[in-house]
Amino acid sequence: MDISETLQTLYTATVEQDDGTYQITVPDREIATGTLSEGKTYRVALISTSTSDTEATDTTEVTQSADHAGQQHEYDGPPVEEGEQRDVEIENLGDQGDGIAKVEHGYVVIVPGTSVGDRVTVEMQQVRENVAFADVVDDTLRREA
């Protein structure tokens, strides 16, 4: 999968209506980590998720009101490290067909060659602030039926 080096962030958010406009709230951690800066303009890409994925995701952080925007949260970095192995469940597929799993705090792990519902052991190959890319190292857990 070819991901542009200009990718700044990847997170899940809900589109909300407010006085005739629609808004997506940027999580506080994106500003706290310096990934994004207040007042700057960014290009945004939206990827649809199914209702079940949205309901299964903890959206507390992404639906906070703007009143909390000034609060800083302590950030310890990504919850995974390169070379680390994890058992994950593929929750969704990206535009290019790669599996998407989530670990602590909604951190996204992209896993090529998997399908929704697969449970696999992966090894983190590349870790960025907001997304990791991993390869399957054990698929014996795959699709428990």
Protein backbone atom coordinates (compact mmCIF):
# COMPACT_ATOMS: atom_id res chain seq x y z
CA MET A 1 0.00 0.00 0.00
CA ASP A 2 1.33 3.42 -0.95
CA ILE A 3 0.69 6.07 1.72
CA SER A 4 1.86 9.60 1.05
CA GLU A 5 4.57 10.94 3.34
CA THR A 6 2.42 14.08 3.62
CA LEU A 7 -0.24 12.20 5.65
CA GLN A 8 -0.52 14.26 8.83
CA THR A 9 -3.06 12.33 10.87
CA LEU A 10 -5.63 9.54 10.82
CA TYR A 11 -8.50 9.28 13.31
CA THR A 12 -12.21 8.55 13.56
CA ALA A 13 -14.68 11.40 14.05
CA THR A 14 -18.40 12.06 13.70
CA VAL A 15 -19.83 14.70 11.37
CA GLU A 16 -22.07 16.96 13.47
CA GLN A 17 -24.55 19.66 12.47
CA ASP A 18 -24.33 23.07 14.15
CA ASP A 19 -26.41 26.07 13.02
CA GLY A 20 -26.75 24.91 9.43
CA THR A 21 -23.10 23.90 9.02
CA TYR A 22 -21.43 20.53 9.40
CA GLN A 23 -18.31 20.05 11.48
CA ILE A 24 -15.73 17.40 12.32
CA THR A 25 -13.99 17.88 15.65
CA VAL A 26 -10.22 17.42 15.68
CA PRO A 27 -9.10 15.43 18.76
CA ASP A 28 -7.13 17.42 21.35
CA ARG A 29 -4.19 15.01 21.00
CA GLU A 30 -3.59 16.18 17.40
CA ILE A 31 -2.88 19.71 18.62
CA ALA A 32 -1.10 18.56 21.80
CA THR A 33 1.36 16.41 19.83
CA GLY A 34 2.01 19.14 17.27
CA THR A 35 0.65 17.00 14.43
CA LEU A 36 -1.73 19.83 13.52
CA SER A 37 -1.64 23.53 14.37
CA GLU A 38 -4.60 25.73 15.22
CA GLY A 39 -5.42 28.28 12.52
CA LYS A 40 -3.73 26.40 9.67
CA THR A 41 -5.61 24.96 6.69
CA TYR A 42 -5.43 21.24 5.89
CA ARG A 43 -6.76 19.03 3.11
CA VAL A 44 -9.21 16.48 4.56
CA ALA A 45 -10.16 13.08 3.14
CA LEU A 46 -13.25 11.29 4.44
CA ILE A 47 -13.63 7.50 4.45
CA SER A 48 -17.06 6.09 5.19
CA THR A 49 -17.47 3.52 7.96
CA SER A 50 -20.38 1.19 8.56
CA THR A 51 -22.83 1.88 11.41
CA SER A 52 -21.49 -1.05 13.42
CA ASP A 53 -17.93 0.30 13.22
CA THR A 54 -19.04 3.73 14.39
CA GLU A 55 -20.99 2.27 17.30
CA ALA A 56 -18.10 0.01 18.31
CA THR A 57 -15.61 2.90 18.36
CA ASP A 58 -15.15 5.01 21.46
CA THR A 59 -15.95 8.47 20.08
CA THR A 60 -15.86 10.32 23.40
CA GLU A 61 -12.68 12.17 22.52
CA VAL A 62 -13.71 13.20 19.01
CA THR A 63 -17.13 14.55 19.98
CA GLN A 64 -16.00 16.94 22.71
CA SER A 65 -17.17 20.52 22.36
CA ALA A 66 -14.89 23.36 21.30
CA ASP A 67 -14.86 24.54 24.93
CA HIS A 68 -12.34 21.76 25.62
CA ALA A 69 -10.04 22.72 22.74
CA GLY A 70 -7.71 24.71 24.98
CA GLN A 71 -7.12 21.80 27.36
CA GLN A 72 -3.88 19.90 26.86
CA HIS A 73 -3.72 16.16 27.40
CA GLU A 74 -0.56 14.32 28.30
CA TYR A 75 0.64 12.35 25.29
CA ASP A 76 2.92 9.34 25.65
CA GLY A 77 3.32 8.65 21.94
CA PRO A 78 1.88 5.81 19.88
CA PRO A 79 0.66 2.79 21.89
CA VAL A 80 2.75 0.43 19.72
CA GLU A 81 6.42 0.15 18.75
CA GLU A 82 8.14 -1.10 15.60
CA GLY A 83 8.77 -4.84 15.88
CA GLU A 84 6.01 -5.30 18.48
CA GLN A 85 3.56 -8.14 17.89
CA ARG A 86 -0.16 -7.82 18.68
CA ASP A 87 -3.32 -9.86 18.22
CA VAL A 88 -5.82 -7.62 16.43
CA GLU A 89 -9.25 -7.88 14.84
CA ILE A 90 -9.82 -6.26 11.45
CA GLU A 91 -12.77 -3.87 11.83
CA ASN A 92 -12.91 -2.22 8.43
CA LEU A 93 -11.22 -2.03 5.03
CA GLY A 94 -9.44 1.01 3.65
CA ASP A 95 -9.96 2.41 0.13
CA GLN A 96 -7.16 0.21 -1.23
CA GLY A 97 -8.55 -2.94 0.43
CA ASP A 98 -6.16 -3.10 3.38
CA GLY A 99 -7.50 -4.19 6.75
CA ILE A 100 -7.92 -1.59 9.49
CA ALA A 101 -7.66 -2.54 13.16
CA LYS A 102 -7.76 -0.30 16.21
CA VAL A 103 -5.86 -0.65 19.46
CA GLU A 104 -5.74 1.56 22.56
CA HIS A 105 -7.24 5.05 22.27
CA GLY A 106 -8.52 4.28 18.75
CA TYR A 107 -4.99 4.15 17.33
CA VAL A 108 -5.19 2.76 13.78
CA VAL A 109 -3.16 -0.20 12.53
CA ILE A 110 -3.28 -0.91 8.78
CA VAL A 111 -2.82 -4.58 7.85
CA PRO A 112 -2.61 -5.56 4.14
CA GLY A 113 -3.99 -8.94 3.04
CA THR A 114 -6.75 -9.20 5.63
CA SER A 115 -10.56 -9.08 5.63
CA VAL A 116 -13.16 -7.65 8.00
CA GLY A 117 -13.59 -10.01 10.95
CA ASP A 118 -10.11 -11.57 10.68
CA ARG A 119 -8.29 -12.03 13.98
CA VAL A 120 -4.56 -12.16 13.30
CA THR A 121 -1.22 -11.65 14.99
CA VAL A 122 0.66 -8.78 13.39
CA GLU A 123 4.11 -7.25 13.68
CA MET A 124 4.42 -3.47 13.53
CA GLN A 125 6.65 -2.54 10.58
CA GLN A 126 6.27 1.24 10.52
CA VAL A 127 4.92 3.36 13.38
CA ARG A 128 3.88 6.99 12.94
CA GLU A 129 2.28 9.33 15.45
CA ASN A 130 -1.28 8.45 14.40
CA VAL A 131 -1.09 5.23 12.38
CA ALA A 132 0.97 2.05 12.19
CA PHE A 133 1.53 -0.35 9.29
CA ALA A 134 1.82 -4.03 10.18
CA ASP A 135 2.29 -7.41 8.52
CA VAL A 136 0.49 -10.63 9.46
CA VAL A 137 2.88 -13.03 11.22
CA ASP A 138 0.29 -15.59 12.36
CA ASP A 139 -3.14 -16.09 10.86
CA THR A 140 -4.20 -19.17 12.86
CA LEU A 141 -6.79 -17.00 14.62
CA ARG A 142 -8.21 -15.87 11.24
CA ARG A 143 -12.02 -15.89 10.94
CA GLU A 144 -13.26 -17.80 13.93
CA ALA A 145 -16.48 -19.32 12.67
